[in-house]
Amino acid sequence: MYPRKLTRSVISNPDYPVVETSKGRLRGLWEEGVFLFRGVRYAQAKRFHLPEEVPAWTGTREAIIYGPVCPEMHTPIAHDQFNVPHYHYVQDEDCHYLNIWTRHIETGAKRPVMVWIHGGGFATGSAIELYAYDGHELCQFGDVVVVSVSHRLNCLGYLDLSAYGEEYRYTGNLGQADLVAALKWVHENIAAFGGDPENVTILGQSGGGGKVSALLQTPEAAPYFHKAVIQSGLFDDAHDLTPEKSQAMAAKIVAALGLGEIHEIETIPYYQLARAAKKVSDEMDRELGFGLHFGPVRDGDFYLGSGEENPFLEATRRVPLLVGSVLGEFDQNYNQVYAPGSKNDWDDELVWKLLRQAFGDKAEAVVAAEQKAYPGSKIVDSLYINRACRVPARDFCRKRAAEGCAPAWNWLFNLECPFNSGTIAWHNAEEAYMFHNANYLEASYIPGVSEQLQDIMTGAWVAFAETGDPNHVGMPIWHAATEENGACMIFDREVREACHHDDELMALLPRKAIVGKNDRRPPSTFGGGPRQSL
C-alpha cells in the first residue's frame, strides 16, 4: 500500500490476473503469492442519496491503483506520523471503492473473508490512510481474503436532512448505507476472489469499531456478515444520535448555507458545505460545550440504536464477537500537569506528585489496584490507564453473554513500546499486530518480541475469522467473557488470560473526556486534536 523497498516482483499483464465479477472483468496485480485488486468500485451515489449498483461494463477494467477517498471537513495534521504512520490520498465525493488481497482467484477456494472498516470517527480517514491497514501480510499469513472499504463520511455521510422530504429520509445514515452496499458487493462477488460469502467477518478500529457496532444493529446489513470485531470502538458516555438532535444540527447548517431551496445543497461546492458545518460546530462548542458530532442516527428503521443502550438486533444475536481496547488509548487526561522527559525516568517524588494531582485522595488506592491488575508494572503507569474504551468493551461482552447471544471474547493490548524511552500502548497500536505488520512500524517494533506477539495476535484474529473462535495453537486458552468469569486476554510481552483483573481499578478511575485540549500525546486518527483549516 505504501512506498517500501520492493523485494518481490509485481505483475499485471493484459490477461493476468483477471477476475470476472457480476458486472464485468477486473485486472489486478500479482505479488508472488498474493493478488491485489485496488480501487474496485462497489457502488455509485449522488450527493445525499442512497448508493446504487454500478452498471455492467464490457471489456476489462483496471484495478491496480486506489480509488479516491472521501473529502474531509478538516484533515488531521499528522503530528503522530511517527507512531501512527499516515498516508493521505486524493479526495473526491466519488469514493465508493474497496481493495482486495487474496491468494486465490478461482471459485471454490472458500477462504474466510475479513472486511476492514477504517477509523477516523465518522468524519475522517480512509481504507488506505494508515500503514497498518495494508492487507498483504494478513492475507499471506492467514490465507484469508482481506477487503478494505472507503465510504462517505462527515456531512456527506451523516448529515440528517430527513426533515426536508422523503427523498432525504436516510441521509443521516448514508455512510452506513455505503458499508451495507459494500458488504452486499462482497456477498455477490467475493467467491470469484477465492472468498467464502457465507463466512464474512467485519472488523474495524476506533470509528471503524463504532461502524461495526452500528452494523450489528442495522437490519439491512445482517445477511451479509457472520462474525464481528470491535477494536477501541466503544466509549464511556457515548449516546445514540437521535433524530431530534441530528435534525436540529442539520437545520443550523442549512440556515448557515443560506439556500434558496433545499435541493441546492446537492450541488454547492463541498467546501462551502463543510465550512457551514464547521461554523455550526464552533457555535455549538461555545454554546453547549461540545462540537459537531456526525454518526449514525437512531431512526428506528435503518439503524436501531447501539447495543449498549438498546436491545440487540435479533438477526445478529448469533454473531460471535471479539471486543477489546488498548491499555493507554488517549492517555485519558488524568494528569493535567505534565512533566518533561520519559515517564520511566521520573523520580518517585515527581510521580507521586502527579498521581495526587490526578486522583487526589484516591491516588494510593488507584496505584494499589493498578499493581494488583498488572503485577510488576511501574507505579507511574497508573497515570495512563484507559477507562473510556476499556469499560464499555468489557461490559459489552458481558451484556452479550447475559442476554444469551453468541460468545464474545474480550481482549486488551498492553505492549509498552520503546518510543520516548517507553510509552504505554496508544490508540491504534494494536492494528499493526493484528494485521501482521508490526515489522514495518518504527515506533512500536521490538526485535524478537513484535514477531512473536503479532504471530499470536494475528493468529487469533484469523482463527476467529475461520471458525468463530479465536483460540489457536501457540496461545493460552481464551474463554468467552461472561459476568461470572470476567475473562480478558491480555496481549503483551507475555500473553495471558486474566479474570476480573481490573474491575477494582476501573471502578476507581474517574470518567474523563476521550480527547481533550491538554492531552500530552497528540491524538491519532480518532478525530480529535489540531486540524488544518478549510
Protein backbone atom coordinates (compact mmCIF):
# COMPACT_ATOMS: atom_id res chain seq x y z
CA MET A 1 0.00 0.00 0.00
CA TYR A 2 2.78 2.40 0.88
CA PRO A 3 6.22 3.10 -0.58
CA ARG A 4 8.68 0.49 0.62
CA LYS A 5 11.59 -1.44 -0.77
CA LEU A 6 10.44 -3.99 -3.32
CA THR A 7 11.64 -7.50 -2.64
CA ARG A 8 9.12 -9.30 -4.86
CA SER A 9 8.14 -8.80 -8.47
CA VAL A 10 4.76 -7.20 -9.16
CA ILE A 11 2.98 -8.48 -12.26
CA SER A 12 -0.01 -7.04 -14.10
CA ASN A 13 -0.35 -8.45 -17.60
CA PRO A 14 -3.24 -7.76 -20.01
CA ASP A 15 -4.82 -11.12 -19.24
CA TYR A 16 -3.47 -11.88 -15.74
CA PRO A 17 -4.60 -11.61 -13.05
CA VAL A 18 -8.17 -11.11 -14.28
CA VAL A 19 -11.34 -11.89 -12.32
CA GLU A 20 -14.93 -11.96 -13.58
CA THR A 21 -17.32 -10.07 -11.31
CA SER A 22 -21.11 -9.80 -11.63
CA LYS A 23 -20.70 -6.55 -13.61
CA GLY A 24 -17.58 -7.26 -15.67
CA ARG A 25 -13.90 -8.22 -15.65
CA LEU A 26 -11.24 -6.66 -13.38
CA ARG A 27 -7.46 -6.78 -13.83
CA GLY A 28 -5.30 -6.52 -10.75
CA LEU A 29 -1.75 -7.19 -9.56
CA TRP A 30 0.14 -10.31 -8.54
CA GLU A 31 2.90 -10.03 -5.97
CA GLU A 32 4.39 -13.53 -5.68
CA GLY A 33 1.60 -15.35 -3.93
CA VAL A 34 -0.83 -12.52 -3.18
CA PHE A 35 -3.23 -11.00 -5.69
CA LEU A 36 -4.20 -7.38 -5.12
CA PHE A 37 -7.16 -5.57 -6.67
CA ARG A 38 -7.15 -1.85 -5.85
CA GLY A 39 -9.86 0.73 -6.35
CA VAL A 40 -12.74 -1.66 -7.06
CA ARG A 41 -15.96 0.32 -7.36
CA TYR A 42 -18.69 -1.31 -5.29
CA ALA A 43 -21.40 1.35 -5.71
CA GLN A 44 -22.12 4.84 -7.00
CA ALA A 45 -24.19 7.62 -5.46
CA LYS A 46 -25.41 11.15 -5.96
CA ARG A 47 -24.81 13.50 -3.04
CA PHE A 48 -27.32 12.91 -0.23
CA HIS A 49 -28.85 9.89 -1.95
CA LEU A 50 -28.59 6.17 -1.28
CA PRO A 51 -25.86 4.17 -3.02
CA GLU A 52 -26.80 2.37 -6.23
CA GLU A 53 -25.33 -0.59 -8.06
CA VAL A 54 -22.63 0.02 -10.63
CA PRO A 55 -23.76 -0.61 -14.24
CA ALA A 56 -22.21 -3.54 -16.06
CA TRP A 57 -19.32 -2.84 -18.42
CA THR A 58 -17.69 -4.56 -21.37
CA GLY A 59 -14.02 -5.34 -21.66
CA THR A 60 -11.60 -5.41 -18.72
CA ARG A 61 -11.26 -2.61 -16.17
CA GLU A 62 -8.02 -1.96 -14.37
CA ALA A 63 -7.96 -2.40 -10.59
CA ILE A 64 -4.31 -1.52 -10.00
CA ILE A 65 -4.48 1.91 -8.31
CA TYR A 66 -6.51 3.04 -5.33
CA GLY A 67 -9.75 4.93 -5.83
CA PRO A 68 -10.35 8.40 -4.37
CA VAL A 69 -11.27 8.69 -0.69
CA CYS A 70 -13.97 10.78 0.92
CA PRO A 71 -13.27 14.51 1.39
CA GLU A 72 -12.57 15.51 4.97
CA MET A 73 -14.04 18.59 6.61
CA HIS A 74 -10.67 19.07 8.27
CA THR A 75 -7.76 16.76 7.62
CA PRO A 76 -5.89 15.68 10.78
CA ILE A 77 -2.39 17.11 10.92
CA ALA A 78 -0.23 14.00 11.11
CA HIS A 79 1.71 15.12 14.17
CA ASP A 80 1.66 11.50 15.31
CA GLN A 81 3.11 10.36 11.97
CA PHE A 82 5.97 8.51 13.67
CA ASN A 83 3.91 6.30 15.97
CA VAL A 84 0.81 6.10 13.71
CA PRO A 85 2.12 6.50 10.12
CA HIS A 86 -0.47 8.03 7.77
CA TYR A 87 -0.88 8.12 4.03
CA HIS A 88 -3.13 10.84 2.63
CA TYR A 89 -4.63 10.24 -0.80
CA VAL A 90 -6.71 12.03 -3.43
CA GLN A 91 -10.10 13.12 -2.04
CA ASP A 92 -13.33 13.14 -4.03
CA GLU A 93 -17.03 12.60 -3.37
CA ASP A 94 -16.84 9.69 -5.79
CA CYS A 95 -15.34 7.48 -3.09
CA HIS A 96 -17.17 4.14 -3.21
CA TYR A 97 -14.14 1.90 -3.62
CA LEU A 98 -12.76 -1.19 -1.94
CA ASN A 99 -9.48 -3.11 -2.12
CA ILE A 100 -8.92 -6.87 -2.06
CA TRP A 101 -5.94 -9.03 -1.10
CA THR A 102 -6.24 -12.75 -1.81
CA ARG A 103 -4.11 -15.82 -2.52
CA HIS A 104 -6.74 -17.26 -4.84
CA ILE A 105 -8.56 -16.03 -7.96
CA GLU A 106 -10.75 -19.02 -8.53
CA THR A 107 -14.11 -20.01 -7.14
CA GLY A 108 -14.16 -22.95 -4.80
CA ALA A 109 -11.28 -21.87 -2.54
CA LYS A 110 -13.85 -20.61 0.01
CA ARG A 111 -11.38 -18.83 2.27
CA PRO A 112 -12.59 -16.69 5.20
CA VAL A 113 -13.25 -13.05 4.30
CA MET A 114 -12.16 -10.19 6.59
CA VAL A 115 -13.73 -6.81 5.72
CA TRP A 116 -11.81 -3.93 7.32
CA ILE A 117 -13.68 -0.70 8.15
CA HIS A 118 -11.37 2.23 8.80
CA GLY A 119 -11.19 4.61 11.76
CA GLY A 120 -11.23 8.37 11.98
CA GLY A 121 -14.51 8.67 13.86
CA PHE A 122 -17.29 9.16 11.33
CA ALA A 123 -15.61 12.24 9.90
CA THR A 124 -12.10 11.45 8.62
CA GLY A 125 -9.91 8.61 7.43
CA SER A 126 -9.99 6.12 4.57
CA ALA A 127 -9.37 2.47 3.76
CA ILE A 128 -5.75 3.29 2.91
CA GLU A 129 -4.95 6.01 5.45
CA LEU A 130 -2.72 4.06 7.83
CA TYR A 131 0.32 1.94 7.01
CA ALA A 132 -1.09 -0.73 9.31
CA TYR A 133 -4.11 -1.24 7.02
CA ASP A 134 -2.09 -2.91 4.25
CA GLY A 135 -3.64 -6.38 3.92
CA HIS A 136 -0.77 -8.20 2.18
CA GLU A 137 0.82 -9.74 5.28
CA LEU A 138 -2.51 -10.68 6.89
CA CYS A 139 -3.64 -12.34 3.67
CA GLN A 140 -0.40 -14.24 3.25
CA PHE A 141 -0.04 -15.24 6.92
CA GLY A 142 -3.60 -16.46 7.39
CA ASP A 143 -4.65 -17.41 3.85
CA VAL A 144 -7.68 -15.16 4.24
CA VAL A 145 -9.28 -12.74 1.80
CA VAL A 146 -8.82 -9.19 3.10
CA VAL A 147 -11.10 -6.37 1.95
CA SER A 148 -10.80 -2.70 2.97
CA VAL A 149 -13.59 -0.21 2.31
CA SER A 150 -13.84 3.56 1.85
CA HIS A 151 -17.21 5.30 2.14
CA ARG A 152 -18.91 8.66 2.68
CA LEU A 153 -18.06 10.49 5.90
CA ASN A 154 -18.89 13.66 7.87
CA CYS A 155 -21.57 15.90 6.33
CA LEU A 156 -21.64 13.77 3.16
CA GLY A 157 -22.39 10.55 5.01
CA TYR A 158 -24.21 11.58 8.19
CA LEU A 159 -25.98 14.94 7.75
CA ASP A 160 -29.62 14.23 8.60
CA LEU A 161 -31.80 16.08 6.09
CA SER A 162 -34.80 13.81 6.67
CA ALA A 163 -36.94 16.77 7.78
CA TYR A 164 -36.70 18.16 4.24
CA GLY A 165 -38.56 15.40 2.43
CA GLU A 166 -38.88 11.67 1.84
CA GLU A 167 -36.04 11.63 -0.71
CA TYR A 168 -33.68 12.57 2.15
CA ARG A 169 -35.10 10.03 4.59
CA TYR A 170 -31.85 8.12 5.10
CA THR A 171 -29.32 10.93 4.80
CA GLY A 172 -28.31 10.60 8.46
CA ASN A 173 -27.14 7.05 7.75
CA LEU A 174 -25.70 7.24 4.23
CA GLY A 175 -22.19 6.37 5.41
CA GLN A 176 -23.60 3.18 6.92
CA ALA A 177 -25.69 2.52 3.80
CA ASP A 178 -22.46 2.66 1.79
CA LEU A 179 -20.99 -0.02 4.05
CA VAL A 180 -24.08 -2.18 3.55
CA ALA A 181 -23.65 -1.76 -0.22
CA ALA A 182 -20.01 -2.82 0.09
CA LEU A 183 -20.98 -5.90 2.11
CA LYS A 184 -23.63 -6.76 -0.49
CA TRP A 185 -20.97 -6.45 -3.22
CA VAL A 186 -18.70 -8.76 -1.24
CA HIS A 187 -21.52 -11.26 -0.81
CA GLU A 188 -22.19 -11.33 -4.55
CA ASN A 189 -18.62 -11.26 -5.85
CA ILE A 190 -16.06 -12.46 -3.33
CA ALA A 191 -16.27 -16.12 -4.38
CA ALA A 192 -14.50 -15.12 -7.62
CA PHE A 193 -11.61 -13.90 -5.46
CA GLY A 194 -11.38 -17.17 -3.52
CA GLY A 195 -13.55 -16.00 -0.65
CA ASP A 196 -16.48 -17.64 1.09
CA PRO A 197 -19.54 -15.34 1.01
CA GLU A 198 -21.00 -17.38 3.88
CA ASN A 199 -18.01 -16.70 6.14
CA VAL A 200 -17.53 -12.94 6.31
CA THR A 201 -16.06 -11.12 9.32
CA ILE A 202 -16.43 -7.36 9.65
CA LEU A 203 -13.83 -5.60 11.75
CA GLY A 204 -12.84 -2.04 12.50
CA GLN A 205 -10.93 0.15 14.94
CA SER A 206 -11.99 3.39 16.70
CA GLY A 207 -14.58 4.98 14.40
CA GLY A 208 -14.40 1.78 12.38
CA GLY A 209 -15.26 -0.18 15.52
CA GLY A 210 -18.18 2.18 16.04
CA LYS A 211 -19.32 1.47 12.49
CA VAL A 212 -19.10 -2.27 13.15
CA SER A 213 -21.13 -1.81 16.32
CA ALA A 214 -23.74 0.12 14.32
CA LEU A 215 -23.85 -2.56 11.59
CA LEU A 216 -24.71 -5.08 14.31
CA GLN A 217 -27.87 -3.00 14.84
CA THR A 218 -28.66 -2.49 11.15
CA PRO A 219 -31.23 -4.97 9.74
CA GLU A 220 -30.15 -4.49 6.12
CA ALA A 221 -26.55 -5.42 6.96
CA ALA A 222 -27.34 -8.57 8.93
CA PRO A 223 -27.49 -11.04 5.98
CA TYR A 224 -24.01 -10.12 4.78
CA PHE A 225 -21.71 -10.90 7.72
CA HIS A 226 -21.26 -13.71 10.21
CA LYS A 227 -18.67 -12.51 12.75
CA ALA A 228 -17.58 -9.10 14.01
CA VAL A 229 -14.55 -7.48 15.66
CA ILE A 230 -14.77 -4.15 17.54
CA GLN A 231 -11.39 -2.57 18.33
CA SER A 232 -11.40 0.54 20.56
CA GLY A 233 -14.79 1.41 19.14
CA LEU A 234 -16.99 1.67 22.24
CA PHE A 235 -16.74 4.66 24.58
CA ASP A 236 -17.83 5.86 28.00
CA ASP A 237 -20.77 8.28 27.84
CA ALA A 238 -21.30 7.69 24.12
CA HIS A 239 -25.00 8.01 23.38
CA ASP A 240 -27.09 7.46 20.29
CA LEU A 241 -27.66 10.40 18.00
CA THR A 242 -31.44 10.83 17.90
CA PRO A 243 -33.42 12.34 15.01
CA GLU A 244 -34.26 15.33 17.22
CA LYS A 245 -30.59 16.15 17.74
CA SER A 246 -29.45 15.31 14.22
CA GLN A 247 -32.26 17.29 12.56
CA ALA A 248 -31.61 20.29 14.79
CA MET A 249 -27.96 20.22 13.80
CA ALA A 250 -28.88 19.91 10.10
CA ALA A 251 -31.28 22.86 10.37
CA LYS A 252 -28.46 25.05 11.70
CA ILE A 253 -26.20 24.02 8.82
CA VAL A 254 -28.89 24.61 6.18
CA ALA A 255 -29.56 28.04 7.67
CA ALA A 256 -25.83 28.86 7.62
CA LEU A 257 -25.73 27.97 3.92
CA GLY A 258 -28.50 30.45 3.06
CA LEU A 259 -30.00 28.22 0.38
CA GLY A 260 -32.80 29.38 -1.90
CA GLU A 261 -34.29 25.87 -1.78
CA ILE A 262 -33.08 22.64 -0.24
CA HIS A 263 -32.04 20.88 -3.45
CA GLU A 264 -29.22 23.38 -3.89
CA ILE A 265 -27.41 21.51 -1.13
CA GLU A 266 -26.78 18.68 -3.61
CA THR A 267 -24.70 20.84 -5.97
CA ILE A 268 -22.95 23.55 -3.94
CA PRO A 269 -19.18 23.08 -3.67
CA TYR A 270 -18.22 20.60 -0.97
CA TYR A 271 -16.03 23.04 0.92
CA GLN A 272 -18.88 25.56 1.08
CA LEU A 273 -20.94 22.85 2.74
CA ALA A 274 -18.05 21.87 5.02
CA ARG A 275 -17.40 25.46 6.09
CA ALA A 276 -21.04 25.85 7.11
CA ALA A 277 -20.80 22.64 9.13
CA LYS A 278 -17.62 23.89 10.80
CA LYS A 279 -19.29 27.22 11.62
CA VAL A 280 -22.17 25.39 13.30
CA SER A 281 -19.70 23.19 15.16
CA ASP A 282 -17.90 26.19 16.58
CA GLU A 283 -21.20 27.79 17.66
CA MET A 284 -22.32 24.59 19.39
CA ASP A 285 -18.97 24.34 21.11
CA ARG A 286 -19.32 27.86 22.50
CA GLU A 287 -22.96 27.48 23.48
CA LEU A 288 -23.15 23.90 24.67
CA GLY A 289 -19.57 22.91 25.43
CA PHE A 290 -19.29 20.30 22.70
CA GLY A 291 -18.70 20.45 18.98
CA LEU A 292 -20.35 18.98 15.93
CA HIS A 293 -20.92 15.25 16.06
CA PHE A 294 -21.58 13.11 12.99
CA GLY A 295 -22.57 9.49 13.26
CA PRO A 296 -25.40 7.04 12.66
CA VAL A 297 -28.87 8.32 13.53
CA ARG A 298 -31.10 6.04 15.59
CA ASP A 299 -34.10 6.35 13.31
CA GLY A 300 -35.76 3.08 14.38
CA ASP A 301 -35.74 1.94 10.75
CA PHE A 302 -32.33 1.76 9.12
CA TYR A 303 -30.38 1.91 12.39
CA LEU A 304 -31.95 0.70 15.64
CA GLY A 305 -29.50 2.26 18.08
CA SER A 306 -26.41 0.95 19.83
CA GLY A 307 -26.44 -2.42 21.53
CA GLU A 308 -25.10 -0.72 24.64
CA GLU A 309 -28.31 1.26 25.11
CA ASN A 310 -30.88 -0.85 23.23
CA PRO A 311 -31.91 -4.49 22.79
CA PHE A 312 -29.60 -6.42 20.49
CA LEU A 313 -30.89 -6.92 16.97
CA GLU A 314 -32.35 -10.41 16.80
CA ALA A 315 -30.72 -11.17 13.44
CA THR A 316 -27.20 -10.53 14.81
CA ARG A 317 -27.51 -12.14 18.23
CA ARG A 318 -25.98 -15.26 16.62
CA VAL A 319 -22.84 -13.33 15.57
CA PRO A 320 -19.73 -14.12 17.68
CA LEU A 321 -17.60 -11.12 18.61
CA LEU A 322 -14.09 -10.05 19.51
CA VAL A 323 -14.28 -6.81 21.51
CA GLY A 324 -11.37 -5.01 23.09
CA SER A 325 -9.22 -1.94 23.50
CA VAL A 326 -5.70 -0.67 24.19
CA LEU A 327 -4.24 -0.05 27.64
CA GLY A 328 -3.42 3.64 27.10
CA GLU A 329 -5.64 4.75 24.20
CA PHE A 330 -5.73 8.58 24.61
CA ASP A 331 -3.90 8.88 27.96
CA GLN A 332 -7.33 9.51 29.47
CA ASN A 333 -6.47 13.11 30.52
CA TYR A 334 -5.99 12.22 34.17
CA ASN A 335 -2.88 14.27 34.87
CA GLN A 336 -3.48 17.87 33.89
CA VAL A 337 0.08 18.91 34.81
CA TYR A 338 2.77 17.27 32.75
CA ALA A 339 6.47 16.76 33.30
CA PRO A 340 9.24 16.74 30.71
CA GLY A 341 11.13 13.66 29.59
CA SER A 342 10.20 10.00 29.73
CA LYS A 343 7.79 8.73 32.37
CA ASN A 344 10.23 5.91 33.07
CA ASP A 345 12.90 8.39 34.18
CA TRP A 346 10.79 10.38 36.66
CA ASP A 347 11.75 10.02 40.31
CA ASP A 348 9.28 8.82 42.96
CA GLU A 349 8.64 12.31 44.32
CA LEU A 350 7.52 13.63 40.92
CA VAL A 351 5.48 10.50 40.17
CA TRP A 352 3.51 10.76 43.41
CA LYS A 353 3.03 14.49 42.92
CA LEU A 354 1.41 13.79 39.54
CA LEU A 355 -0.61 10.89 40.93
CA ARG A 356 -2.08 13.06 43.68
CA GLN A 357 -2.83 15.83 41.19
CA ALA A 358 -4.63 13.28 39.04
CA PHE A 359 -6.51 11.25 41.66
CA GLY A 360 -6.47 13.29 44.87
CA ASP A 361 -7.01 11.22 47.98
CA LYS A 362 -7.66 8.13 45.82
CA ALA A 363 -4.08 8.06 44.48
CA GLU A 364 -2.86 5.29 46.81
CA ALA A 365 -5.95 3.17 46.11
CA VAL A 366 -5.59 3.62 42.35
CA VAL A 367 -1.94 2.58 42.45
CA ALA A 368 -2.71 -0.45 44.61
CA ALA A 369 -5.47 -1.54 42.22
CA GLU A 370 -3.23 -0.97 39.20
CA GLN A 371 -0.43 -3.03 40.73
CA LYS A 372 -2.92 -5.79 41.51
CA ALA A 373 -4.24 -5.74 37.95
CA TYR A 374 -0.79 -5.61 36.35
CA PRO A 375 1.80 -7.14 38.72
CA GLY A 376 5.30 -5.83 38.07
CA SER A 377 4.17 -2.71 36.25
CA LYS A 378 5.55 0.71 37.10
CA ILE A 379 3.62 2.90 39.55
CA VAL A 380 3.72 5.79 37.07
CA ASP A 381 1.68 3.74 34.60
CA SER A 382 -1.43 4.40 36.70
CA LEU A 383 -1.48 7.84 35.07
CA TYR A 384 -2.05 6.35 31.63
CA ILE A 385 -4.52 3.51 32.11
CA ASN A 386 -7.57 4.00 29.90
CA ARG A 387 -11.12 3.64 31.17
CA ALA A 388 -13.05 5.32 28.35
CA CYS A 389 -12.73 2.35 25.97
CA ARG A 390 -11.90 -0.43 28.42
CA VAL A 391 -15.09 -0.43 30.49
CA PRO A 392 -17.53 -0.29 27.54
CA ALA A 393 -15.70 -3.13 25.76
CA ARG A 394 -15.73 -5.27 28.90
CA ASP A 395 -19.37 -4.55 29.66
CA PHE A 396 -20.49 -5.08 26.04
CA CYS A 397 -19.12 -8.63 26.11
CA ARG A 398 -20.77 -9.36 29.42
CA LYS A 399 -24.09 -7.93 28.24
CA ARG A 400 -24.00 -10.19 25.17
CA ALA A 401 -23.42 -13.22 27.41
CA ALA A 402 -26.14 -12.21 29.90
CA GLU A 403 -28.67 -11.89 27.08
CA GLY A 404 -27.85 -15.28 25.56
CA CYS A 405 -26.06 -14.08 22.41
CA ALA A 406 -23.25 -15.88 20.63
CA PRO A 407 -19.91 -15.82 22.51
CA ALA A 408 -17.95 -12.58 22.82
CA TRP A 409 -14.24 -12.63 23.61
CA ASN A 410 -12.75 -9.65 25.44
CA TRP A 411 -9.13 -8.52 24.95
CA LEU A 412 -6.69 -5.79 25.91
CA PHE A 413 -3.49 -4.77 24.09
CA ASN A 414 -0.85 -3.74 26.65
CA LEU A 415 2.56 -3.79 24.95
CA GLU A 416 4.77 -0.88 26.06
CA CYS A 417 6.73 0.33 23.06
CA PRO A 418 10.23 1.85 23.01
CA PHE A 419 9.06 5.23 21.67
CA ASN A 420 10.07 8.08 24.06
CA SER A 421 12.05 5.63 26.23
CA GLY A 422 8.89 3.69 26.92
CA THR A 423 5.31 4.58 26.01
CA ILE A 424 2.10 2.87 27.09
CA ALA A 425 0.26 1.33 24.13
CA TRP A 426 -1.62 4.10 22.34
CA HIS A 427 -4.80 4.34 20.30
CA ASN A 428 -4.14 2.42 17.04
CA ALA A 429 -1.18 0.48 18.50
CA GLU A 430 -2.78 -2.95 18.13
CA GLU A 431 -3.63 -2.63 14.43
CA ALA A 432 -0.15 -3.46 13.15
CA TYR A 433 -0.15 -6.60 15.31
CA MET A 434 -3.49 -7.99 14.16
CA PHE A 435 -2.62 -7.07 10.52
CA HIS A 436 0.80 -8.78 10.94
CA ASN A 437 2.53 -5.52 10.01
CA ALA A 438 4.44 -4.81 13.24
CA ASN A 439 7.78 -5.23 11.42
CA TYR A 440 7.07 -2.09 9.40
CA LEU A 441 6.35 0.35 12.26
CA GLU A 442 9.43 2.01 13.70
CA ALA A 443 7.85 3.37 16.89
CA SER A 444 6.48 0.06 18.18
CA TYR A 445 8.81 -2.59 16.79
CA ILE A 446 10.73 -4.60 19.41
CA PRO A 447 13.08 -7.23 17.92
CA GLY A 448 12.14 -10.73 18.99
CA VAL A 449 9.02 -9.52 20.79
CA SER A 450 6.96 -7.98 17.99
CA GLU A 451 7.37 -11.01 15.71
CA GLN A 452 6.13 -13.42 18.36
CA LEU A 453 3.28 -11.20 19.53
CA GLN A 454 1.97 -10.48 16.03
CA ASP A 455 2.01 -14.22 15.22
CA ILE A 456 -0.15 -14.88 18.28
CA MET A 457 -2.47 -11.93 17.78
CA THR A 458 -2.90 -12.26 14.01
CA GLY A 459 -3.35 -15.97 14.56
CA ALA A 460 -6.23 -15.28 16.96
CA TRP A 461 -7.95 -12.90 14.53
CA VAL A 462 -7.51 -15.41 11.68
CA ALA A 463 -8.77 -18.33 13.78
CA PHE A 464 -11.80 -16.25 14.72
CA ALA A 465 -12.49 -15.44 11.06
CA GLU A 466 -12.11 -19.10 10.18
CA THR A 467 -14.17 -20.72 12.95
CA GLY A 468 -15.77 -18.05 15.14
CA ASP A 469 -13.36 -18.93 17.98
CA PRO A 470 -10.01 -17.10 18.43
CA ASN A 471 -8.23 -19.96 20.17
CA HIS A 472 -5.30 -21.48 18.30
CA VAL A 473 -2.16 -23.48 18.97
CA GLY A 474 0.53 -21.22 20.38
CA MET A 475 -1.52 -19.11 22.79
CA PRO A 476 -3.17 -19.66 26.19
CA ILE A 477 -6.76 -20.86 26.36
CA TRP A 478 -9.09 -17.91 25.85
CA HIS A 479 -12.59 -18.11 27.30
CA ALA A 480 -15.54 -16.11 26.04
CA ALA A 481 -16.33 -13.37 28.54
CA THR A 482 -19.21 -13.56 30.99
CA GLU A 483 -20.14 -11.57 34.08
CA GLU A 484 -19.15 -14.59 36.16
CA ASN A 485 -15.69 -15.30 34.71
CA GLY A 486 -14.63 -11.75 33.77
CA ALA A 487 -12.28 -13.26 31.18
CA CYS A 488 -9.93 -10.99 29.23
CA MET A 489 -6.96 -11.93 27.03
CA ILE A 490 -4.02 -9.59 27.60
CA PHE A 491 -1.68 -9.19 24.63
CA ASP A 492 1.73 -8.15 25.96
CA ARG A 493 5.28 -9.50 26.14
CA GLU A 494 3.57 -12.31 28.00
CA VAL A 495 0.20 -13.22 26.53
CA ARG A 496 -2.14 -14.31 29.31
CA GLU A 497 -5.78 -14.63 30.20
CA ALA A 498 -6.90 -12.72 33.28
CA CYS A 499 -10.26 -12.85 35.06
CA HIS A 500 -11.82 -9.75 36.67
CA HIS A 501 -8.26 -8.45 36.77
CA ASP A 502 -9.03 -4.73 36.59
CA ASP A 503 -12.61 -4.43 37.83
CA GLU A 504 -11.43 -2.75 41.03
CA LEU A 505 -9.16 -0.38 39.11
CA MET A 506 -11.85 0.60 36.62
CA ALA A 507 -14.26 1.36 39.48
CA LEU A 508 -11.73 3.81 40.94
CA LEU A 509 -10.78 5.65 37.76
CA PRO A 510 -12.81 8.80 37.07
CA ARG A 511 -14.69 9.25 33.84
CA LYS A 512 -12.96 11.80 31.63
CA ALA A 513 -13.29 13.19 28.13
CA ILE A 514 -11.87 10.85 25.50
CA VAL A 515 -9.68 13.53 23.95
CA GLY A 516 -9.13 16.97 25.40
CA LYS A 517 -7.17 20.15 24.87
CA ASN A 518 -4.45 19.18 27.36
CA ASP A 519 -3.56 15.74 26.01
CA ARG A 520 0.14 15.05 26.39
CA ARG A 521 0.34 12.83 23.31
CA PRO A 522 -1.12 14.07 20.02
CA PRO A 523 -4.37 12.24 19.28
CA SER A 524 -4.36 9.91 16.31
CA THR A 525 -6.96 9.15 13.67
CA PHE A 526 -9.86 9.01 16.10
CA GLY A 527 -10.74 12.56 15.18
CA GLY A 528 -9.54 14.90 17.92
CA GLY A 529 -6.80 17.46 18.10
CA PRO A 530 -5.49 20.22 15.85
CA ARG A 531 -6.77 20.35 12.28
CA GLN A 532 -5.93 22.11 9.11
CA SER A 533 -8.35 24.96 8.44
CA LEU A 534 -10.66 24.86 5.46
